[in-house]
Amino acid sequence: MTPFKTLPPEVQAQLRDTYAKEMEPQAKTCSLDEKIARFNAWLAPQGVSFDLDDLPRRK
């Protein structure tokens, strides 16, 4: 699996945009753990992994 944070920024943006469009009809959640789990499950068939370390850090 390729870690999400190692992908080029334009690929990350494309994946986030595609995911957001596909998940629009899904039930929303406020749980960060649930959001990460859903995104990771969606990315897995594409050979990409995502976890807390992939979240951008505040400066």
C-alpha atoms as a PDB file:
ATOM      1  CA  MET A   1       0.000   0.000   0.000  1.00  0.00           C
ATOM      2  CA  THR A   2       1.195   3.470  -0.828  1.00  0.00           C
ATOM      3  CA  PRO A   3       0.843   5.972   2.034  1.00  0.00           C
ATOM      4  CA  PHE A   4      -1.420   8.848   1.029  1.00  0.00           C
ATOM      5  CA  LYS A   5       1.086  11.482   2.187  1.00  0.00           C
ATOM      6  CA  THR A   6       3.703  10.185  -0.270  1.00  0.00           C
ATOM      7  CA  LEU A   7       1.472  10.870  -3.270  1.00  0.00           C
ATOM      8  CA  PRO A   8       2.014  14.104  -5.230  1.00  0.00           C
ATOM      9  CA  PRO A   9      -0.239  16.962  -4.020  1.00  0.00           C
ATOM     10  CA  GLU A  10      -2.250  16.990  -7.254  1.00  0.00           C
ATOM     11  CA  VAL A  11      -3.000  13.261  -6.912  1.00  0.00           C
ATOM     12  CA  GLN A  12      -4.022  13.754  -3.272  1.00  0.00           C
ATOM     13  CA  ALA A  13      -6.375  16.568  -4.302  1.00  0.00           C
ATOM     14  CA  GLN A  14      -7.885  14.483  -7.109  1.00  0.00           C
ATOM     15  CA  LEU A  15      -8.512  11.553  -4.748  1.00  0.00           C
ATOM     16  CA  ARG A  16     -10.078  13.827  -2.098  1.00  0.00           C
ATOM     17  CA  ASP A  17     -12.341  15.469  -4.689  1.00  0.00           C
ATOM     18  CA  THR A  18     -13.455  12.165  -6.189  1.00  0.00           C
ATOM     19  CA  TYR A  19     -14.085  10.706  -2.734  1.00  0.00           C
ATOM     20  CA  ALA A  20     -16.148  13.746  -1.678  1.00  0.00           C
ATOM     21  CA  LYS A  21     -18.345  13.482  -4.784  1.00  0.00           C
ATOM     22  CA  GLU A  22     -18.898   9.748  -4.349  1.00  0.00           C
ATOM     23  CA  MET A  23     -19.679  10.062  -0.646  1.00  0.00           C
ATOM     24  CA  GLU A  24     -22.140  12.978  -0.923  1.00  0.00           C
ATOM     25  CA  PRO A  25     -25.211  10.749  -0.579  1.00  0.00           C
ATOM     26  CA  GLN A  26     -23.713   8.882   2.419  1.00  0.00           C
ATOM     27  CA  ALA A  27     -24.679   9.622   6.009  1.00  0.00           C
ATOM     28  CA  LYS A  28     -22.446  12.273   7.541  1.00  0.00           C
ATOM     29  CA  THR A  29     -20.375  11.722  10.681  1.00  0.00           C
ATOM     30  CA  CYS A  30     -18.495  14.004  13.057  1.00  0.00           C
ATOM     31  CA  SER A  31     -16.223  11.198  14.244  1.00  0.00           C
ATOM     32  CA  LEU A  32     -12.682  11.694  12.974  1.00  0.00           C
ATOM     33  CA  ASP A  33     -12.000   7.981  13.457  1.00  0.00           C
ATOM     34  CA  GLU A  34     -15.028   7.101  11.312  1.00  0.00           C
ATOM     35  CA  LYS A  35     -14.039   9.613   8.617  1.00  0.00           C
ATOM     36  CA  ILE A  36     -10.516   8.160   8.450  1.00  0.00           C
ATOM     37  CA  ALA A  37     -11.850   4.590   8.376  1.00  0.00           C
ATOM     38  CA  ARG A  38     -14.239   5.409   5.520  1.00  0.00           C
ATOM     39  CA  PHE A  39     -11.583   7.209   3.477  1.00  0.00           C
ATOM     40  CA  ASN A  40      -9.067   4.428   4.081  1.00  0.00           C
ATOM     41  CA  ALA A  41     -11.612   1.785   3.020  1.00  0.00           C
ATOM     42  CA  TRP A  42     -12.357   3.757  -0.139  1.00  0.00           C
ATOM     43  CA  LEU A  43      -8.642   4.173  -0.946  1.00  0.00           C
ATOM     44  CA  ALA A  44      -7.645   0.545  -0.249  1.00  0.00           C
ATOM     45  CA  PRO A  45      -8.804  -0.922  -3.599  1.00  0.00           C
ATOM     46  CA  GLN A  46      -6.610   1.712  -5.268  1.00  0.00           C
ATOM     47  CA  GLY A  47      -3.539   0.551  -3.339  1.00  0.00           C
ATOM     48  CA  VAL A  48      -3.410   3.621  -1.104  1.00  0.00           C
ATOM     49  CA  SER A  49      -3.526   3.776   2.688  1.00  0.00           C
ATOM     50  CA  PHE A  50      -4.505   6.676   4.950  1.00  0.00           C
ATOM     51  CA  ASP A  51      -4.158   7.111   8.693  1.00  0.00           C
ATOM     52  CA  LEU A  52      -3.712   9.829  11.330  1.00  0.00           C
ATOM     53  CA  ASP A  53      -0.123  10.433  10.199  1.00  0.00           C
ATOM     54  CA  ASP A  54      -1.439  11.501   6.799  1.00  0.00           C
ATOM     55  CA  LEU A  55      -3.459  14.393   8.220  1.00  0.00           C
ATOM     56  CA  PRO A  56      -1.884  17.798   7.699  1.00  0.00           C
ATOM     57  CA  ARG A  57      -0.403  19.312  10.846  1.00  0.00           C
ATOM     58  CA  ARG A  58      -1.287  22.766  12.057  1.00  0.00           C
ATOM     59  CA  LYS A  59       1.584  25.210  12.172  1.00  0.00           C
END
